[in-house]
PDB file of N, CA and C in Angstrom:
ATOM      1  N   UNK A   1     -18.298  -6.352  -6.941  1.00  0.00           N
ATOM      2  CA  UNK A   1     -17.348  -6.271  -8.035  1.00  0.00           C
ATOM      3  C   UNK A   1     -16.508  -4.992  -7.948  1.00  0.00           C
ATOM      4  N   UNK A   2     -17.139  -3.901  -7.557  1.00  0.00           N
ATOM      5  CA  UNK A   2     -16.382  -2.645  -7.504  1.00  0.00           C
ATOM      6  C   UNK A   2     -15.410  -2.634  -6.351  1.00  0.00           C
ATOM      7  N   UNK A   3     -15.563  -3.564  -5.405  1.00  0.00           N
ATOM      8  CA  UNK A   3     -14.604  -3.688  -4.313  1.00  0.00           C
ATOM      9  C   UNK A   3     -13.223  -4.070  -4.819  1.00  0.00           C
ATOM     10  N   UNK A   4     -13.170  -4.788  -5.946  1.00  0.00           N
ATOM     11  CA  UNK A   4     -11.884  -5.161  -6.538  1.00  0.00           C
ATOM     12  C   UNK A   4     -11.127  -3.909  -6.952  1.00  0.00           C
ATOM     13  N   UNK A   5     -11.827  -2.971  -7.569  1.00  0.00           N
ATOM     14  CA  UNK A   5     -11.165  -1.739  -8.023  1.00  0.00           C
ATOM     15  C   UNK A   5     -10.709  -0.883  -6.839  1.00  0.00           C
ATOM     16  N   UNK A   6     -11.512  -0.863  -5.787  1.00  0.00           N
ATOM     17  CA  UNK A   6     -11.116  -0.141  -4.577  1.00  0.00           C
ATOM     18  C   UNK A   6      -9.872  -0.792  -3.975  1.00  0.00           C
ATOM     19  N   UNK A   7      -9.839  -2.123  -3.959  1.00  0.00           N
ATOM     20  CA  UNK A   7      -8.690  -2.844  -3.432  1.00  0.00           C
ATOM     21  C   UNK A   7      -7.431  -2.607  -4.247  1.00  0.00           C
ATOM     22  N   UNK A   8      -7.560  -2.579  -5.562  1.00  0.00           N
ATOM     23  CA  UNK A   8      -6.404  -2.293  -6.420  1.00  0.00           C
ATOM     24  C   UNK A   8      -5.891  -0.888  -6.148  1.00  0.00           C
ATOM     25  N   UNK A   9      -6.799   0.064  -6.048  1.00  0.00           N
ATOM     26  CA  UNK A   9      -6.402   1.440  -5.743  1.00  0.00           C
ATOM     27  C   UNK A   9      -5.733   1.555  -4.380  1.00  0.00           C
ATOM     28  N   UNK A  10      -6.277   0.864  -3.380  1.00  0.00           N
ATOM     29  CA  UNK A  10      -5.677   0.892  -2.043  1.00  0.00           C
ATOM     30  C   UNK A  10      -4.294   0.244  -2.039  1.00  0.00           C
ATOM     31  N   UNK A  11      -4.145  -0.837  -2.778  1.00  0.00           N
ATOM     32  CA  UNK A  11      -2.846  -1.503  -2.844  1.00  0.00           C
ATOM     33  C   UNK A  11      -1.779  -0.627  -3.477  1.00  0.00           C
ATOM     34  N   UNK A  12      -2.132   0.020  -4.575  1.00  0.00           N
ATOM     35  CA  UNK A  12      -1.176   0.916  -5.238  1.00  0.00           C
ATOM     36  C   UNK A  12      -0.870   2.117  -4.348  1.00  0.00           C
ATOM     37  N   UNK A  13      -1.892   2.674  -3.715  1.00  0.00           N
ATOM     38  CA  UNK A  13      -1.683   3.798  -2.805  1.00  0.00           C
ATOM     39  C   UNK A  13      -0.796   3.399  -1.633  1.00  0.00           C
ATOM     40  N   UNK A  14      -0.998   2.204  -1.096  1.00  0.00           N
ATOM     41  CA  UNK A  14      -0.203   1.751   0.037  1.00  0.00           C
ATOM     42  C   UNK A  14       1.262   1.597  -0.355  1.00  0.00           C
ATOM     43  N   UNK A  15       1.531   1.018  -1.518  1.00  0.00           N
ATOM     44  CA  UNK A  15       2.922   0.869  -1.955  1.00  0.00           C
ATOM     45  C   UNK A  15       3.568   2.216  -2.242  1.00  0.00           C
ATOM     46  N   UNK A  16       2.809   3.131  -2.836  1.00  0.00           N
ATOM     47  CA  UNK A  16       3.337   4.461  -3.135  1.00  0.00           C
ATOM     48  C   UNK A  16       3.700   5.207  -1.851  1.00  0.00           C
ATOM     49  N   UNK A  17       2.794   5.178  -0.879  1.00  0.00           N
ATOM     50  CA  UNK A  17       3.065   5.858   0.386  1.00  0.00           C
ATOM     51  C   UNK A  17       4.208   5.201   1.140  1.00  0.00           C
ATOM     52  N   UNK A  18       4.268   3.874   1.101  1.00  0.00           N
ATOM     53  CA  UNK A  18       5.349   3.174   1.787  1.00  0.00           C
ATOM     54  C   UNK A  18       6.699   3.518   1.174  1.00  0.00           C
ATOM     55  N   UNK A  19       6.740   3.604  -0.141  1.00  0.00           N
ATOM     56  CA  UNK A  19       7.993   3.966  -0.818  1.00  0.00           C
ATOM     57  C   UNK A  19       8.426   5.384  -0.444  1.00  0.00           C
ATOM     58  N   UNK A  20       7.479   6.304  -0.426  1.00  0.00           N
ATOM     59  CA  UNK A  20       7.820   7.686  -0.087  1.00  0.00           C
ATOM     60  C   UNK A  20       8.193   7.842   1.383  1.00  0.00           C
ATOM     61  N   UNK A  21       7.504   7.129   2.259  1.00  0.00           N
ATOM     62  CA  UNK A  21       7.796   7.250   3.689  1.00  0.00           C
ATOM     63  C   UNK A  21       9.161   6.639   4.005  1.00  0.00           C
ATOM     64  N   UNK A  22       9.465   5.479   3.420  1.00  0.00           N
ATOM     65  CA  UNK A  22      10.788   4.901   3.655  1.00  0.00           C
ATOM     66  C   UNK A  22      11.870   5.753   3.012  1.00  0.00           C
ATOM     67  N   UNK A  23      11.547   6.441   1.935  1.00  0.00           N
ATOM     68  CA  UNK A  23      12.499   7.380   1.349  1.00  0.00           C
ATOM     69  C   UNK A  23      12.760   8.564   2.257  1.00  0.00           C
ATOM     70  N   UNK A  24      11.749   8.942   3.025  1.00  0.00           N
ATOM     71  CA  UNK A  24      11.934  10.029   3.978  1.00  0.00           C
ATOM     72  C   UNK A  24      12.864   9.618   5.108  1.00  0.00           C
ATOM     73  N   UNK A  25      12.803   8.343   5.494  1.00  0.00           N
ATOM     74  CA  UNK A  25      13.648   7.875   6.587  1.00  0.00           C
ATOM     75  C   UNK A  25      15.102   7.821   6.148  1.00  0.00           C
ATOM     76  N   UNK A  26      15.364   7.230   4.997  1.00  0.00           N
ATOM     77  CA  UNK A  26      16.739   7.034   4.570  1.00  0.00           C
ATOM     78  C   UNK A  26      17.220   8.035   3.541  1.00  0.00           C
ATOM     79  N   UNK A  27      16.437   9.035   3.242  1.00  0.00           N
ATOM     80  CA  UNK A  27      16.794  10.004   2.222  1.00  0.00           C
ATOM     81  C   UNK A  27      17.815  11.009   2.691  1.00  0.00           C
ATOM     82  N   UNK A  28      18.111  11.968   1.830  1.00  0.00           N
ATOM     83  CA  UNK A  28      19.129  12.958   2.169  1.00  0.00           C
ATOM     84  C   UNK A  28      18.719  13.881   3.308  1.00  0.00           C
ATOM     85  N   UNK A  29      17.426  14.107   3.484  1.00  0.00           N
ATOM     86  CA  UNK A  29      16.979  15.007   4.543  1.00  0.00           C
ATOM     87  C   UNK A  29      16.996  14.372   5.918  1.00  0.00           C
ATOM     88  N   UNK A  30      16.941  13.047   5.969  1.00  0.00           N
ATOM     89  CA  UNK A  30      16.909  12.299   7.239  1.00  0.00           C
ATOM     90  C   UNK A  30      15.852  12.870   8.182  1.00  0.00           C
ATOM     91  N   UNK A  31      14.609  12.804   7.712  1.00  0.00           N
ATOM     92  CA  UNK A  31      13.507  13.295   8.539  1.00  0.00           C
ATOM     93  C   UNK A  31      13.433  12.508   9.842  1.00  0.00           C
ATOM     94  N   UNK A  32      12.956  13.140  10.830  1.00  0.00           N
ATOM     95  CA  UNK A  32      12.876  12.550  12.154  1.00  0.00           C
ATOM     96  C   UNK A  32      11.828  11.449  12.197  1.00  0.00           C
ATOM     97  N   UNK A  33      12.054  10.495  13.070  1.00  0.00           N
ATOM     98  CA  UNK A  33      11.080   9.431  13.288  1.00  0.00           C
ATOM     99  C   UNK A  33       9.790  10.015  13.839  1.00  0.00           C
ATOM    100  N   UNK A  34       9.889  11.136  14.510  1.00  0.00           N
ATOM    101  CA  UNK A  34       8.691  11.787  15.049  1.00  0.00           C
ATOM    102  C   UNK A  34       7.764  12.277  13.947  1.00  0.00           C
ATOM    103  N   UNK A  35       8.285  12.494  12.757  1.00  0.00           N
ATOM    104  CA  UNK A  35       7.457  12.901  11.619  1.00  0.00           C
ATOM    105  C   UNK A  35       6.956  11.675  10.866  1.00  0.00           C
ATOM    106  N   UNK A  36       7.813  10.677  10.717  1.00  0.00           N
ATOM    107  CA  UNK A  36       7.496   9.528   9.875  1.00  0.00           C
ATOM    108  C   UNK A  36       6.505   8.577  10.543  1.00  0.00           C
ATOM    109  N   UNK A  37       6.664   8.325  11.808  1.00  0.00           N
ATOM    110  CA  UNK A  37       5.785   7.369  12.493  1.00  0.00           C
ATOM    111  C   UNK A  37       4.314   7.786  12.468  1.00  0.00           C
ATOM    112  N   UNK A  38       3.964   9.042  12.707  1.00  0.00           N
ATOM    113  CA  UNK A  38       2.550   9.412  12.570  1.00  0.00           C
ATOM    114  C   UNK A  38       2.025   9.239  11.141  1.00  0.00           C
ATOM    115  N   UNK A  39       2.891   9.440  10.149  1.00  0.00           N
ATOM    116  CA  UNK A  39       2.452   9.220   8.770  1.00  0.00           C
ATOM    117  C   UNK A  39       2.125   7.754   8.517  1.00  0.00           C
ATOM    118  N   UNK A  40       2.942   6.872   9.050  1.00  0.00           N
ATOM    119  CA  UNK A  40       2.672   5.436   8.909  1.00  0.00           C
ATOM    120  C   UNK A  40       1.371   5.073   9.627  1.00  0.00           C
ATOM    121  N   UNK A  41       1.172   5.616  10.811  1.00  0.00           N
ATOM    122  CA  UNK A  41      -0.058   5.332  11.545  1.00  0.00           C
ATOM    123  C   UNK A  41      -1.284   5.893  10.827  1.00  0.00           C
ATOM    124  N   UNK A  42      -1.172   7.075  10.250  1.00  0.00           N
ATOM    125  CA  UNK A  42      -2.286   7.645   9.485  1.00  0.00           C
ATOM    126  C   UNK A  42      -2.612   6.795   8.265  1.00  0.00           C
ATOM    127  N   UNK A  43      -1.588   6.254   7.614  1.00  0.00           N
ATOM    128  CA  UNK A  43      -1.802   5.382   6.466  1.00  0.00           C
ATOM    129  C   UNK A  43      -2.565   4.131   6.890  1.00  0.00           C
ATOM    130  N   UNK A  44      -2.166   3.533   8.003  1.00  0.00           N
ATOM    131  CA  UNK A  44      -2.851   2.337   8.483  1.00  0.00           C
ATOM    132  C   UNK A  44      -4.287   2.637   8.917  1.00  0.00           C
ATOM    133  N   UNK A  45      -4.488   3.762   9.577  1.00  0.00           N
ATOM    134  CA  UNK A  45      -5.842   4.143   9.994  1.00  0.00           C
ATOM    135  C   UNK A  45      -6.734   4.377   8.787  1.00  0.00           C
ATOM    136  N   UNK A  46      -6.201   5.008   7.750  1.00  0.00           N
ATOM    137  CA  UNK A  46      -6.975   5.252   6.529  1.00  0.00           C
ATOM    138  C   UNK A  46      -7.390   3.936   5.873  1.00  0.00           C
ATOM    139  N   UNK A  47      -6.476   2.991   5.784  1.00  0.00           N
ATOM    140  CA  UNK A  47      -6.793   1.706   5.167  1.00  0.00           C
ATOM    141  C   UNK A  47      -7.824   0.950   6.002  1.00  0.00           C
ATOM    142  N   UNK A  48      -7.669   0.987   7.322  1.00  0.00           N
ATOM    143  CA  UNK A  48      -8.641   0.318   8.188  1.00  0.00           C
ATOM    144  C   UNK A  48     -10.025   0.963   8.068  1.00  0.00           C
ATOM    145  N   UNK A  49     -10.065   2.277   7.921  1.00  0.00           N
ATOM    146  CA  UNK A  49     -11.339   2.976   7.769  1.00  0.00           C
ATOM    147  C   UNK A  49     -12.026   2.577   6.463  1.00  0.00           C
ATOM    148  N   UNK A  50     -11.260   2.500   5.377  1.00  0.00           N
ATOM    149  CA  UNK A  50     -11.843   2.092   4.093  1.00  0.00           C
ATOM    150  C   UNK A  50     -12.359   0.658   4.181  1.00  0.00           C
ATOM    151  N   UNK A  51     -11.588  -0.231   4.808  1.00  0.00           N
ATOM    152  CA  UNK A  51     -12.047  -1.612   4.965  1.00  0.00           C
ATOM    153  C   UNK A  51     -13.279  -1.695   5.862  1.00  0.00           C
ATOM    154  N   UNK A  52     -13.346  -0.842   6.875  1.00  0.00           N
ATOM    155  CA  UNK A  52     -14.545  -0.795   7.718  1.00  0.00           C
ATOM    156  C   UNK A  52     -15.763  -0.347   6.906  1.00  0.00           C
ATOM    157  N   UNK A  53     -15.577   0.672   6.076  1.00  0.00           N
ATOM    158  CA  UNK A  53     -16.689   1.123   5.242  1.00  0.00           C
ATOM    159  C   UNK A  53     -17.142   0.027   4.279  1.00  0.00           C
ATOM    160  N   UNK A  54     -16.190  -0.730   3.740  1.00  0.00           N
ATOM    161  CA  UNK A  54     -16.556  -1.826   2.849  1.00  0.00           C
ATOM    162  C   UNK A  54     -17.303  -2.919   3.618  1.00  0.00           C
ATOM    163  N   UNK A  55     -16.939  -3.128   4.878  1.00  0.00           N
ATOM    164  CA  UNK A  55     -17.612  -4.145   5.686  1.00  0.00           C
ATOM    165  C   UNK A  55     -19.042  -3.740   6.007  1.00  0.00           C
ATOM    166  N   UNK A  56     -19.291  -2.431   6.079  1.00  0.00           N
ATOM    167  CA  UNK A  56     -20.674  -2.004   6.337  1.00  0.00           C
ATOM    168  C   UNK A  56     -21.571  -2.257   5.137  1.00  0.00           C
ATOM    169  N   UNK A  57     -20.991  -2.331   3.943  1.00  0.00           N
ATOM    170  CA  UNK A  57     -21.786  -2.647   2.757  1.00  0.00           C
ATOM    171  C   UNK A  57     -22.120  -4.135   2.766  1.00  0.00           C
ATOM    172  N   UNK A  58     -21.080  -4.971   2.768  1.00  0.00           N
ATOM    173  CA  UNK A  58     -21.267  -6.417   2.899  1.00  0.00           C
ATOM    174  C   UNK A  58     -19.916  -7.079   3.110  1.00  0.00           C
ATOM    175  N   UNK A  59     -19.969  -8.282   3.606  1.00  0.00           N
ATOM    176  CA  UNK A  59     -18.737  -9.036   3.848  1.00  0.00           C
ATOM    177  C   UNK A  59     -18.085  -9.393   2.514  1.00  0.00           C
ATOM    178  N   UNK A  60     -18.885  -9.658   1.496  1.00  0.00           N
ATOM    179  CA  UNK A  60     -18.324  -9.998   0.181  1.00  0.00           C
ATOM    180  C   UNK A  60     -17.496  -8.843  -0.369  1.00  0.00           C
ATOM    181  N   UNK A  61     -17.989  -7.622  -0.219  1.00  0.00           N
ATOM    182  CA  UNK A  61     -17.238  -6.459  -0.687  1.00  0.00           C
ATOM    183  C   UNK A  61     -15.935  -6.298   0.099  1.00  0.00           C
ATOM    184  N   UNK A  62     -15.997  -6.546   1.393  1.00  0.00           N
ATOM    185  CA  UNK A  62     -14.787  -6.483   2.211  1.00  0.00           C
ATOM    186  C   UNK A  62     -13.764  -7.501   1.747  1.00  0.00           C
ATOM    187  N   UNK A  63     -14.202  -8.727   1.489  1.00  0.00           N
ATOM    188  CA  UNK A  63     -13.278  -9.769   1.051  1.00  0.00           C
ATOM    189  C   UNK A  63     -12.700  -9.464  -0.325  1.00  0.00           C
ATOM    190  N   UNK A  64     -13.518  -8.965  -1.244  1.00  0.00           N
ATOM    191  CA  UNK A  64     -13.013  -8.583  -2.563  1.00  0.00           C
ATOM    192  C   UNK A  64     -11.983  -7.462  -2.448  1.00  0.00           C
ATOM    193  N   UNK A  65     -12.264  -6.479  -1.607  1.00  0.00           N
ATOM    194  CA  UNK A  65     -11.347  -5.354  -1.448  1.00  0.00           C
ATOM    195  C   UNK A  65     -10.028  -5.808  -0.829  1.00  0.00           C
ATOM    196  N   UNK A  66     -10.107  -6.557   0.255  1.00  0.00           N
ATOM    197  CA  UNK A  66      -8.886  -7.020   0.923  1.00  0.00           C
ATOM    198  C   UNK A  66      -8.093  -7.961   0.022  1.00  0.00           C
ATOM    199  N   UNK A  67      -8.776  -8.836  -0.695  1.00  0.00           N
ATOM    200  CA  UNK A  67      -8.091  -9.757  -1.604  1.00  0.00           C
ATOM    201  C   UNK A  67      -7.414  -9.032  -2.753  1.00  0.00           C
ATOM    202  N   UNK A  68      -8.104  -8.074  -3.338  1.00  0.00           N
ATOM    203  CA  UNK A  68      -7.511  -7.319  -4.442  1.00  0.00           C
ATOM    204  C   UNK A  68      -6.335  -6.474  -3.963  1.00  0.00           C
ATOM    205  N   UNK A  69      -6.432  -5.944  -2.758  1.00  0.00           N
ATOM    206  CA  UNK A  69      -5.331  -5.168  -2.204  1.00  0.00           C
ATOM    207  C   UNK A  69      -4.115  -6.065  -1.995  1.00  0.00           C
ATOM    208  N   UNK A  70      -4.319  -7.248  -1.458  1.00  0.00           N
ATOM    209  CA  UNK A  70      -3.225  -8.183  -1.216  1.00  0.00           C
ATOM    210  C   UNK A  70      -2.575  -8.627  -2.523  1.00  0.00           C
ATOM    211  N   UNK A  71      -3.383  -8.992  -3.501  1.00  0.00           N
ATOM    212  CA  UNK A  71      -2.842  -9.440  -4.794  1.00  0.00           C
ATOM    213  C   UNK A  71      -2.105  -8.308  -5.491  1.00  0.00           C
ATOM    214  N   UNK A  72      -2.637  -7.099  -5.425  1.00  0.00           N
ATOM    215  CA  UNK A  72      -1.974  -5.953  -6.047  1.00  0.00           C
ATOM    216  C   UNK A  72      -0.622  -5.687  -5.408  1.00  0.00           C
ATOM    217  N   UNK A  73      -0.567  -5.716  -4.088  1.00  0.00           N
ATOM    218  CA  UNK A  73       0.704  -5.479  -3.398  1.00  0.00           C
ATOM    219  C   UNK A  73       1.726  -6.540  -3.784  1.00  0.00           C
ATOM    220  N   UNK A  74       1.303  -7.792  -3.823  1.00  0.00           N
ATOM    221  CA  UNK A  74       2.226  -8.867  -4.177  1.00  0.00           C
ATOM    222  C   UNK A  74       2.707  -8.750  -5.619  1.00  0.00           C
ATOM    223  N   UNK A  75       1.781  -8.537  -6.558  1.00  0.00           N
ATOM    224  CA  UNK A  75       2.162  -8.468  -7.968  1.00  0.00           C
ATOM    225  C   UNK A  75       3.052  -7.266  -8.274  1.00  0.00           C
ATOM    226  N   UNK A  76       2.701  -6.113  -7.749  1.00  0.00           N
ATOM    227  CA  UNK A  76       3.504  -4.918  -8.009  1.00  0.00           C
ATOM    228  C   UNK A  76       4.892  -5.061  -7.382  1.00  0.00           C
ATOM    229  N   UNK A  77       4.974  -5.659  -6.207  1.00  0.00           N
ATOM    230  CA  UNK A  77       6.275  -5.866  -5.567  1.00  0.00           C
ATOM    231  C   UNK A  77       7.133  -6.837  -6.369  1.00  0.00           C
ATOM    232  N   UNK A  78       6.544  -7.934  -6.839  1.00  0.00           N
ATOM    233  CA  UNK A  78       7.299  -8.904  -7.638  1.00  0.00           C
ATOM    234  C   UNK A  78       7.777  -8.273  -8.934  1.00  0.00           C
ATOM    235  N   UNK A  79       6.913  -7.530  -9.609  1.00  0.00           N
ATOM    236  CA  UNK A  79       7.301  -6.869 -10.862  1.00  0.00           C
ATOM    237  C   UNK A  79       8.414  -5.856 -10.601  1.00  0.00           C
ATOM    238  N   UNK A  80       8.310  -5.101  -9.529  1.00  0.00           N
ATOM    239  CA  UNK A  80       9.333  -4.108  -9.199  1.00  0.00           C
ATOM    240  C   UNK A  80      10.685  -4.762  -8.967  1.00  0.00           C
ATOM    241  N   UNK A  81      10.698  -5.826  -8.173  1.00  0.00           N
ATOM    242  CA  UNK A  81      11.975  -6.466  -7.863  1.00  0.00           C
ATOM    243  C   UNK A  81      12.538  -7.234  -9.050  1.00  0.00           C
ATOM    244  N   UNK A  82      11.682  -7.779  -9.913  1.00  0.00           N
ATOM    245  CA  UNK A  82      12.190  -8.421 -11.131  1.00  0.00           C
ATOM    246  C   UNK A  82      12.838  -7.399 -12.058  1.00  0.00           C
ATOM    247  N   UNK A  83      12.202  -6.243 -12.204  1.00  0.00           N
ATOM    248  CA  UNK A  83      12.799  -5.186 -13.030  1.00  0.00           C
ATOM    249  C   UNK A  83      14.103  -4.692 -12.416  1.00  0.00           C
ATOM    250  N   UNK A  84      14.122  -4.549 -11.103  1.00  0.00           N
ATOM    251  CA  UNK A  84      15.327  -4.074 -10.435  1.00  0.00           C
ATOM    252  C   UNK A  84      16.470  -5.083 -10.567  1.00  0.00           C
ATOM    253  N   UNK A  85      16.166  -6.382 -10.466  1.00  0.00           N
ATOM    254  CA  UNK A  85      17.216  -7.382 -10.596  1.00  0.00           C
ATOM    255  C   UNK A  85      17.701  -7.475 -12.045  1.00  0.00           C
ATOM    256  N   UNK A  86      16.850  -7.241 -13.004  1.00  0.00           N
ATOM    257  CA  UNK A  86      17.247  -7.269 -14.405  1.00  0.00           C
ATOM    258  C   UNK A  86      18.175  -6.079 -14.716  1.00  0.00           C
ATOM    259  N   UNK A  87      17.908  -4.951 -14.101  1.00  0.00           N
ATOM    260  CA  UNK A  87      18.742  -3.778 -14.326  1.00  0.00           C
ATOM    261  C   UNK A  87      20.127  -3.978 -13.706  1.00  0.00           C
ATOM    262  N   UNK A  88      20.190  -4.570 -12.521  1.00  0.00           N
ATOM    263  CA  UNK A  88      21.483  -4.743 -11.857  1.00  0.00           C
ATOM    264  C   UNK A  88      22.322  -5.841 -12.511  1.00  0.00           C
ATOM    265  N   UNK A  89      21.714  -6.794 -13.208  1.00  0.00           N
ATOM    266  CA  UNK A  89      22.470  -7.858 -13.870  1.00  0.00           C
ATOM    267  C   UNK A  89      23.200  -7.342 -15.113  1.00  0.00           C
ATOM    268  N   UNK A  90      22.627  -6.357 -15.783  1.00  0.00           N
ATOM    269  CA  UNK A  90      23.249  -5.873 -17.018  1.00  0.00           C
ATOM    270  C   UNK A  90      24.236  -4.769 -16.755  1.00  0.00           C
TER     271      UNK A  90
END
Protein backbone atom coordinates (compact mmCIF):
# COMPACT_ATOMS: atom_id res chain seq x y z
CA UNK A 1 0.00 0.00 0.00
CA UNK A 2 2.79 2.43 0.80
CA UNK A 3 4.19 1.82 -2.67
CA UNK A 4 1.33 3.95 -4.00
CA UNK A 5 2.55 6.94 -2.01
CA UNK A 6 6.12 6.39 -3.18
CA UNK A 7 4.85 6.21 -6.76
CA UNK A 8 2.87 9.44 -6.40
CA UNK A 9 5.93 11.17 -4.97
CA UNK A 10 8.14 9.84 -7.77
CA UNK A 11 5.65 10.94 -10.41
CA UNK A 12 5.44 14.48 -9.05
CA UNK A 13 9.22 14.63 -8.66
CA UNK A 14 9.71 13.41 -12.22
CA UNK A 15 7.38 16.05 -13.67
CA UNK A 16 8.97 18.79 -11.56
CA UNK A 17 12.48 17.86 -12.65
CA UNK A 18 11.42 17.48 -16.27
CA UNK A 19 9.85 20.94 -16.24
CA UNK A 20 12.96 22.51 -14.73
CA UNK A 21 15.37 20.66 -17.01
CA UNK A 22 13.44 21.59 -20.16
CA UNK A 23 13.34 25.14 -18.85
CA UNK A 24 17.10 25.05 -18.64
CA UNK A 25 17.33 24.04 -22.28
CA UNK A 26 15.01 26.69 -23.67
CA UNK A 27 15.37 29.32 -20.97
CA UNK A 28 17.15 32.64 -21.10
CA UNK A 29 20.47 31.17 -19.97
CA UNK A 30 20.54 28.52 -22.72
CA UNK A 31 22.48 26.03 -20.65
CA UNK A 32 24.62 23.64 -22.58
CA UNK A 33 23.46 20.18 -23.50
CA UNK A 34 26.57 18.96 -21.71
CA UNK A 35 24.99 20.11 -18.44
CA UNK A 36 21.41 19.06 -19.13
CA UNK A 37 21.96 15.54 -20.46
CA UNK A 38 23.73 14.25 -17.32
CA UNK A 39 20.88 15.68 -15.25
CA UNK A 40 18.35 13.74 -17.30
CA UNK A 41 20.43 10.59 -16.96
CA UNK A 42 20.75 11.08 -13.19
CA UNK A 43 16.98 11.49 -12.94
CA UNK A 44 16.43 8.23 -14.82
CA UNK A 45 19.04 6.39 -12.75
CA UNK A 46 17.42 7.62 -9.53
CA UNK A 47 13.98 6.42 -10.61
CA UNK A 48 15.37 3.05 -11.70
CA UNK A 49 17.16 2.69 -8.35
CA UNK A 50 13.96 3.40 -6.40
CA UNK A 51 12.05 0.89 -8.54
CA UNK A 52 14.82 -1.66 -7.97
CA UNK A 53 14.57 -1.14 -4.22
CA UNK A 54 10.80 -1.62 -4.41
CA UNK A 55 11.34 -4.84 -6.39
CA UNK A 56 13.57 -6.19 -3.63
CA UNK A 57 10.67 -5.84 -1.21
CA UNK A 58 8.12 -7.55 -3.46
CA UNK A 59 6.76 -7.52 -6.97
CA UNK A 60 3.42 -6.19 -5.69
CA UNK A 61 5.14 -3.12 -4.23
CA UNK A 62 6.97 -2.57 -7.51
CA UNK A 63 3.73 -2.76 -9.48
CA UNK A 64 1.93 -0.40 -7.09
CA UNK A 65 4.80 2.08 -7.27
CA UNK A 66 5.12 1.98 -11.06
CA UNK A 67 1.34 2.15 -11.52
CA UNK A 68 0.93 5.08 -9.17
CA UNK A 69 3.81 6.89 -10.85
CA UNK A 70 2.24 6.38 -14.28
CA UNK A 71 -1.23 7.49 -13.17
CA UNK A 72 0.20 10.53 -11.38
CA UNK A 73 2.17 11.62 -14.43
CA UNK A 74 -0.87 11.23 -16.67
CA UNK A 75 -3.31 13.00 -14.33
CA UNK A 76 -1.02 15.91 -13.51
CA UNK A 77 -0.18 16.39 -17.20
CA UNK A 78 -3.86 16.37 -18.21
CA UNK A 79 -4.77 18.83 -15.45
CA UNK A 80 -1.86 21.10 -16.41
CA UNK A 81 -2.78 21.19 -20.08
CA UNK A 82 -6.49 21.67 -19.36
CA UNK A 83 -5.68 24.66 -17.16
CA UNK A 84 -3.29 26.00 -19.78
CA UNK A 85 -5.87 25.67 -22.57
CA UNK A 86 -8.53 27.36 -20.43
CA UNK A 87 -6.20 30.30 -19.80
CA UNK A 88 -5.35 30.73 -23.49
CA UNK A 89 -9.04 30.62 -24.55
CA UNK A 90 -10.01 33.59 -22.38
